[in-house]
Amino acid sequence: MKTNMGSQDKTIRIILAIIIAVLFFTKIISGTLAIVLLVVAGIFILTSLIGFCPLYSLLGISTCRKKAAH
């Protein structure tokens, strides 16, 4: 797998996952919405840790900075 996520993208995903977790554990969100958002948060954390987003790959998107060729 080639990394296709930049550091800003990873940071935003982790922050969103933390916000979702806080909303869930403070019972601000509940039910089906909470479960769906927790799954999304888990995906955000996983993709941030490995630096690869399969959806980005399918869509041909990359938020990584290109390395300069010498």
Protein backbone atom coordinates (compact mmCIF):
# COMPACT_ATOMS: atom_id res chain seq x y z
CA MET A 1 0.00 0.00 0.00
CA LYS A 2 1.30 3.39 -0.95
CA THR A 3 0.59 6.18 1.52
CA ASN A 4 -2.05 8.55 0.19
CA MET A 5 -2.81 10.66 3.27
CA GLY A 6 -0.96 13.77 4.38
CA SER A 7 -0.32 14.81 7.96
CA GLN A 8 -3.10 17.42 7.99
CA ASP A 9 -5.59 14.85 6.75
CA LYS A 10 -4.51 12.39 9.46
CA THR A 11 -4.79 15.07 12.16
CA ILE A 12 -8.29 16.11 11.07
CA ARG A 13 -9.47 12.49 11.04
CA ILE A 14 -8.09 11.84 14.53
CA ILE A 15 -9.69 15.02 15.91
CA LEU A 16 -13.06 14.06 14.38
CA ALA A 17 -12.79 10.56 15.85
CA ILE A 18 -12.08 12.00 19.30
CA ILE A 19 -15.06 14.37 19.02
CA ILE A 20 -17.34 11.48 18.03
CA ALA A 21 -16.07 9.39 20.96
CA VAL A 22 -16.66 12.24 23.42
CA LEU A 23 -20.18 12.79 22.08
CA PHE A 24 -20.90 9.08 22.46
CA PHE A 25 -19.50 8.66 25.97
CA THR A 26 -21.25 11.81 27.23
CA LYS A 27 -24.49 10.37 25.76
CA ILE A 28 -25.09 13.36 23.50
CA ILE A 29 -25.50 10.94 20.60
CA SER A 30 -27.14 7.53 20.96
CA GLY A 31 -28.88 4.78 19.06
CA THR A 32 -28.19 3.89 15.47
CA LEU A 33 -26.55 7.25 14.74
CA ALA A 34 -24.05 6.67 17.54
CA ILE A 35 -23.16 3.21 16.26
CA VAL A 36 -22.67 4.44 12.70
CA LEU A 37 -20.54 7.38 13.88
CA LEU A 38 -18.42 5.09 16.09
CA VAL A 39 -17.73 2.84 13.10
CA VAL A 40 -16.75 5.91 11.06
CA ALA A 41 -14.51 7.08 13.93
CA GLY A 42 -12.85 3.65 14.04
CA ILE A 43 -12.21 3.80 10.30
CA PHE A 44 -10.77 7.31 10.68
CA ILE A 45 -8.36 6.13 13.39
CA LEU A 46 -7.31 3.04 11.43
CA THR A 47 -6.71 4.90 8.18
CA SER A 48 -4.81 7.63 10.04
CA LEU A 49 -2.51 5.11 11.67
CA ILE A 50 -1.65 3.31 8.44
CA GLY A 51 -1.69 6.44 6.25
CA PHE A 52 -3.77 4.82 3.54
CA CYS A 53 -7.41 5.46 2.62
CA PRO A 54 -8.94 2.89 0.25
CA LEU A 55 -11.61 5.37 -0.86
CA TYR A 56 -8.93 7.89 -1.84
CA SER A 57 -7.27 5.15 -3.87
CA LEU A 58 -10.50 4.37 -5.73
CA LEU A 59 -11.08 8.05 -6.47
CA GLY A 60 -7.46 8.77 -7.37
CA ILE A 61 -7.01 11.28 -4.54
CA SER A 62 -3.84 11.83 -2.54
CA THR A 63 -3.31 14.40 0.19
CA CYS A 64 0.38 13.47 0.54
CA ARG A 65 2.93 16.01 -0.44
CA LYS A 66 4.86 14.98 -3.50
CA LYS A 67 8.55 14.38 -2.93
CA ALA A 68 10.76 16.55 -5.08
CA ALA A 69 12.66 14.66 -7.76
CA HIS A 70 16.39 15.36 -7.82
